[in-house]
Amino acid sequence: MKALEFSTTVKNNQIQIPKKIQSQFNPTLEKKIKVIVLMNETDNNDDFNYKQVAKTHFLNGYADADDVYDTIDNE
């Protein structure tokens, strides 16, 4: 497999391929390609969603008997 790397934008759920990269494709042939998308973490809220899910699962395992640890005095 040949790798081509470029930065671009997604517009209307379509990846814009720069013209200099388009020249790497033969327009008369249909070619299957593999696409890997890397996005800046600030562009999505996956980290927030992950934290919310982790918090929910953690608190689901919290029993009333566990509250004894919330009142331990530091002597």
Protein backbone atom coordinates (compact mmCIF):
# COMPACT_ATOMS: atom_id res chain seq x y z
CA MET A 1 0.00 0.00 0.00
CA LYS A 2 1.13 3.52 -0.75
CA ALA A 3 0.59 6.22 1.88
CA LEU A 4 -0.35 9.80 1.05
CA GLU A 5 -0.57 12.30 3.88
CA PHE A 6 -2.33 15.65 3.77
CA SER A 7 -4.35 18.02 5.91
CA THR A 8 -7.80 19.01 4.76
CA THR A 9 -11.29 19.89 5.91
CA VAL A 10 -14.55 18.01 6.07
CA LYS A 11 -17.40 19.88 4.46
CA ASN A 12 -20.94 18.49 4.20
CA ASN A 13 -19.58 15.17 5.51
CA GLN A 14 -17.18 14.92 2.57
CA ILE A 15 -13.40 14.85 2.82
CA GLN A 16 -11.87 17.45 0.52
CA ILE A 17 -8.88 15.94 -1.31
CA PRO A 18 -6.31 18.57 -2.38
CA LYS A 19 -5.67 18.85 -6.12
CA LYS A 20 -2.01 17.85 -5.73
CA ILE A 21 -3.16 14.58 -4.16
CA GLN A 22 -5.93 14.06 -6.73
CA SER A 23 -3.22 13.85 -9.38
CA GLN A 24 -2.04 10.61 -7.74
CA PHE A 25 -5.27 8.90 -8.85
CA ASN A 26 -6.04 7.72 -12.35
CA PRO A 27 -9.43 9.30 -13.11
CA THR A 28 -10.38 6.47 -15.50
CA LEU A 29 -9.92 3.70 -12.91
CA GLU A 30 -11.97 2.93 -9.87
CA LYS A 31 -9.61 2.36 -6.96
CA LYS A 32 -10.33 1.14 -3.44
CA ILE A 33 -8.53 3.10 -0.75
CA LYS A 34 -8.24 2.93 3.03
CA VAL A 35 -8.87 6.17 4.93
CA ILE A 36 -7.69 6.91 8.46
CA VAL A 37 -9.01 10.13 9.98
CA LEU A 38 -7.11 11.91 12.76
CA MET A 39 -8.91 14.83 14.37
CA ASN A 40 -7.75 17.32 16.97
CA GLU A 41 -9.17 16.32 20.34
CA THR A 42 -10.54 19.83 20.80
CA ASP A 43 -12.72 19.33 17.71
CA ASN A 44 -14.90 16.75 19.41
CA ASN A 45 -16.19 15.95 22.86
CA ASP A 46 -15.17 12.28 23.05
CA ASP A 47 -13.01 12.96 26.12
CA PHE A 48 -15.99 14.51 27.89
CA ASN A 49 -18.22 11.57 26.92
CA TYR A 50 -15.60 9.08 28.11
CA LYS A 51 -15.34 10.83 31.49
CA GLN A 52 -19.12 10.90 31.90
CA VAL A 53 -19.44 7.18 31.12
CA ALA A 54 -16.55 6.30 33.45
CA LYS A 55 -18.07 8.38 36.25
CA THR A 56 -21.47 6.74 35.79
CA HIS A 57 -20.02 3.22 35.86
CA PHE A 58 -17.87 4.06 38.88
CA LEU A 59 -20.81 5.47 40.84
CA ASN A 60 -22.99 2.48 39.91
CA GLY A 61 -20.51 0.33 41.85
CA TYR A 62 -20.66 2.64 44.89
CA ALA A 63 -22.67 1.07 47.72
CA ASP A 64 -24.16 2.79 50.79
CA ALA A 65 -21.69 0.84 52.94
CA ASP A 66 -18.84 2.61 51.15
CA ASP A 67 -19.75 5.94 52.74
CA VAL A 68 -17.71 4.95 55.80
CA TYR A 69 -14.62 5.97 53.80
CA ASP A 70 -16.04 9.45 53.27
CA THR A 71 -15.85 10.29 57.01
CA ILE A 72 -12.38 9.03 57.96
CA ASP A 73 -10.66 11.58 60.21
CA ASN A 74 -7.01 12.34 59.62
CA GLU A 75 -5.37 12.13 63.04
